[in-house]
N, C-alpha and C. Protein backbone atom coordinates (compact mmCIF):
# COMPACT_ATOMS: atom_id res chain seq x y z
N MET A 1 0.93 -1.22 0.07
CA MET A 1 0.02 0.00 0.03
C MET A 1 0.88 1.26 0.08
N ASN A 2 0.53 2.19 -0.89
CA ASN A 2 1.38 3.32 -0.88
C ASN A 2 0.54 4.54 -0.23
N ARG A 3 1.05 4.80 0.95
CA ARG A 3 0.46 5.94 1.73
C ARG A 3 0.49 7.36 1.11
N GLN A 4 -0.46 8.03 1.23
CA GLN A 4 -0.43 9.51 0.77
C GLN A 4 0.08 10.41 2.04
N ILE A 5 1.13 11.27 1.57
CA ILE A 5 1.56 12.10 2.51
C ILE A 5 1.21 13.75 2.17
N ILE A 6 0.80 14.34 3.18
CA ILE A 6 0.35 15.80 2.93
C ILE A 6 1.61 16.71 3.41
N ILE A 7 2.10 17.39 2.69
CA ILE A 7 3.29 18.36 3.02
C ILE A 7 2.60 19.86 3.14
N HIS A 8 2.74 20.23 4.44
CA HIS A 8 2.16 21.58 4.70
C HIS A 8 3.20 22.70 4.42
N VAL A 9 2.75 23.78 3.84
CA VAL A 9 3.72 24.80 3.52
C VAL A 9 3.20 26.08 4.13
N ARG A 10 3.79 27.00 4.69
CA ARG A 10 3.48 28.31 5.21
C ARG A 10 4.33 29.25 4.78
N PHE A 11 3.64 30.36 4.12
CA PHE A 11 4.48 31.59 3.49
C PHE A 11 4.41 32.71 4.55
N ALA A 12 5.42 33.43 4.24
CA ALA A 12 5.48 34.90 4.73
C ALA A 12 4.86 35.82 4.19
N PRO A 13 4.49 36.99 4.49
CA PRO A 13 3.64 38.02 3.67
C PRO A 13 4.50 38.36 2.33
N ASN A 14 5.69 38.29 2.45
CA ASN A 14 6.56 38.41 1.25
C ASN A 14 6.62 37.31 0.27
N GLY A 15 6.06 36.13 0.65
CA GLY A 15 6.14 35.08 -0.41
C GLY A 15 7.12 34.12 -0.10
N ARG A 16 8.01 34.45 0.79
CA ARG A 16 9.00 33.28 1.10
C ARG A 16 8.42 32.20 2.10
N VAL A 17 8.98 31.14 1.79
CA VAL A 17 8.42 29.82 2.66
C VAL A 17 9.09 29.90 4.01
N ILE A 18 8.31 29.91 5.13
CA ILE A 18 8.88 29.90 6.37
C ILE A 18 8.73 28.68 7.12
N GLN A 19 7.90 27.78 6.56
CA GLN A 19 7.82 26.33 6.98
C GLN A 19 7.26 25.43 6.04
N ILE A 20 7.92 24.24 5.85
CA ILE A 20 7.45 23.10 5.13
C ILE A 20 7.90 21.83 5.72
N SER A 21 6.95 20.93 5.64
CA SER A 21 7.23 19.65 6.24
C SER A 21 7.96 18.56 5.34
N GLU A 22 8.54 17.69 6.04
CA GLU A 22 9.44 16.63 5.24
C GLU A 22 10.67 17.23 4.58
N ARG A 23 10.95 18.36 5.05
CA ARG A 23 12.31 18.96 4.40
C ARG A 23 13.39 18.37 4.82
N PRO A 24 14.32 17.99 3.85
CA PRO A 24 15.76 17.34 4.09
C PRO A 24 16.54 18.67 4.85
N ALA A 25 17.29 18.19 5.63
CA ALA A 25 18.10 19.08 6.58
C ALA A 25 19.00 20.08 5.75
N ARG A 26 19.47 19.46 4.58
CA ARG A 26 20.35 20.36 3.79
C ARG A 26 19.79 21.53 3.08
N LEU A 27 18.32 21.50 2.70
CA LEU A 27 17.93 22.47 2.05
C LEU A 27 17.11 23.51 2.97
N THR A 28 17.13 24.65 2.26
CA THR A 28 16.05 25.76 3.00
C THR A 28 14.67 25.40 2.65
N PRO A 29 13.97 25.99 3.43
CA PRO A 29 12.43 25.85 3.08
C PRO A 29 11.99 26.16 1.69
N ASP A 30 12.54 27.30 1.19
CA ASP A 30 12.44 27.80 -0.11
C ASP A 30 12.92 26.79 -1.24
N GLN A 31 14.17 26.19 -0.87
CA GLN A 31 14.66 25.26 -1.73
C GLN A 31 13.93 23.97 -1.97
N TRP A 32 13.39 23.51 -0.88
CA TRP A 32 12.41 22.36 -0.79
C TRP A 32 11.38 22.53 -1.56
N PHE A 33 10.59 23.82 -1.44
CA PHE A 33 9.51 24.11 -2.14
C PHE A 33 9.70 24.27 -3.56
N ASP A 34 10.94 24.70 -3.92
CA ASP A 34 11.09 24.74 -5.31
C ASP A 34 11.27 23.44 -6.11
N VAL A 35 11.87 22.48 -5.18
CA VAL A 35 12.09 21.19 -5.80
C VAL A 35 10.62 20.34 -5.86
N LEU A 36 9.73 20.64 -5.06
CA LEU A 36 8.47 20.15 -4.96
C LEU A 36 7.69 20.73 -6.23
N LYS A 37 7.77 21.84 -6.30
CA LYS A 37 6.97 22.48 -7.30
C LYS A 37 7.49 22.09 -8.71
N ALA A 38 8.71 21.93 -9.02
CA ALA A 38 9.20 21.70 -10.22
C ALA A 38 8.96 20.30 -10.55
N ARG A 39 8.91 19.26 -9.57
CA ARG A 39 8.54 17.85 -9.97
C ARG A 39 7.29 17.41 -9.59
N ALA A 40 6.49 18.21 -8.85
CA ALA A 40 5.03 17.74 -8.46
C ALA A 40 3.98 18.92 -8.55
N ASP A 41 4.11 19.88 -9.35
CA ASP A 41 3.34 20.92 -9.47
C ASP A 41 1.86 20.53 -9.30
N SER A 42 1.28 19.44 -10.20
CA SER A 42 0.00 19.30 -10.04
C SER A 42 -0.51 18.61 -8.87
N ALA A 43 0.38 18.51 -7.94
CA ALA A 43 -0.06 17.92 -6.61
C ALA A 43 -0.17 19.04 -5.41
N TYR A 44 0.05 20.34 -5.95
CA TYR A 44 0.23 21.39 -4.98
C TYR A 44 -1.37 22.03 -5.06
N ARG A 45 -1.73 22.47 -3.77
CA ARG A 45 -3.04 23.17 -3.87
C ARG A 45 -2.80 24.46 -2.82
N SER A 46 -2.97 25.63 -3.31
CA SER A 46 -2.95 26.89 -2.50
C SER A 46 -4.15 26.80 -1.41
N LEU A 47 -3.94 27.35 -0.33
CA LEU A 47 -4.94 27.63 0.72
C LEU A 47 -4.88 29.01 1.12
N PRO A 48 -6.04 29.40 1.70
CA PRO A 48 -5.85 30.83 2.21
C PRO A 48 -5.06 30.93 3.33
N ARG A 49 -4.78 32.33 3.55
CA ARG A 49 -4.03 32.67 4.62
C ARG A 49 -2.42 32.37 4.66
N GLY A 50 -1.90 32.41 3.44
CA GLY A 50 -0.54 32.05 3.26
C GLY A 50 -0.10 30.72 3.66
N ARG A 51 -1.02 29.71 3.17
CA ARG A 51 -0.52 28.31 3.23
C ARG A 51 -0.91 27.54 1.97
N GLY A 52 -0.35 26.32 1.85
CA GLY A 52 -0.48 25.54 0.82
C GLY A 52 -0.23 24.07 1.33
N VAL A 53 -0.64 22.90 0.38
CA VAL A 53 -0.27 21.57 0.66
C VAL A 53 0.01 20.72 -0.64
N PHE A 54 1.05 19.99 -0.65
CA PHE A 54 1.31 18.96 -1.51
C PHE A 54 0.79 17.67 -1.23
N ARG A 55 0.07 16.95 -1.97
CA ARG A 55 -0.59 15.50 -1.61
C ARG A 55 0.32 14.75 -2.43
N LEU A 56 1.12 13.84 -1.91
CA LEU A 56 2.02 13.14 -2.71
C LEU A 56 2.22 11.71 -2.07
N SER A 57 2.52 10.54 -2.70
CA SER A 57 2.77 9.21 -2.22
C SER A 57 4.15 9.34 -1.43
N ARG A 58 4.15 8.30 -0.36
CA ARG A 58 5.39 8.39 0.55
C ARG A 58 6.67 8.01 -0.59
N ALA A 59 6.50 7.20 -1.47
CA ALA A 59 7.43 6.83 -2.66
C ALA A 59 7.95 7.96 -3.30
N ALA A 60 6.96 8.88 -3.61
CA ALA A 60 7.42 10.10 -4.38
C ALA A 60 8.10 11.00 -3.46
N VAL A 61 7.77 11.34 -2.32
CA VAL A 61 8.26 12.20 -1.38
C VAL A 61 9.96 11.66 -1.13
N ASP A 62 9.92 10.36 -0.87
CA ASP A 62 11.27 9.76 -0.54
C ASP A 62 12.20 10.06 -1.77
N THR A 63 11.83 9.81 -3.14
CA THR A 63 12.44 9.83 -4.42
C THR A 63 12.83 11.50 -4.54
N PHE A 64 11.96 12.47 -4.12
CA PHE A 64 12.28 13.66 -4.35
C PHE A 64 13.57 14.13 -3.11
N LYS A 65 13.28 13.61 -2.08
CA LYS A 65 14.43 13.83 -1.10
C LYS A 65 15.73 13.37 -1.51
N GLN A 66 15.79 12.21 -1.95
CA GLN A 66 17.12 11.72 -2.57
C GLN A 66 17.65 12.58 -3.66
N GLN A 67 16.93 12.86 -4.59
CA GLN A 67 17.34 13.86 -5.67
C GLN A 67 17.79 15.07 -5.10
N ALA A 68 17.15 15.69 -4.21
CA ALA A 68 17.17 17.05 -3.73
C ALA A 68 18.57 17.01 -2.95
N VAL A 69 18.80 16.18 -2.33
CA VAL A 69 20.18 16.10 -1.61
C VAL A 69 21.24 15.88 -2.45
N THR A 70 21.24 15.14 -3.55
CA THR A 70 22.27 15.13 -4.44
C THR A 70 22.47 16.42 -5.11
N LEU A 71 21.40 17.24 -5.07
CA LEU A 71 21.62 18.58 -5.94
C LEU A 71 22.20 19.72 -5.09
N ALA A 72 21.73 19.54 -3.70
CA ALA A 72 22.29 20.41 -2.67
C ALA A 72 23.84 20.53 -2.60
């Protein structure tokens, strides 16, 4: 079974990412958001009040983490 993961994103008023879940330690919040948007844009939904979520499978999140760490 492939579990769904919800990655929560919180933005500052200036648009910078101030908090994002599942973030690899080597990446800033903005870098992790950019990785996810580049690879899984269709899984992203904006929410009110400076928030958003990505709905992804655990396998996809793990793959994106591995790819991101090699890029950092």
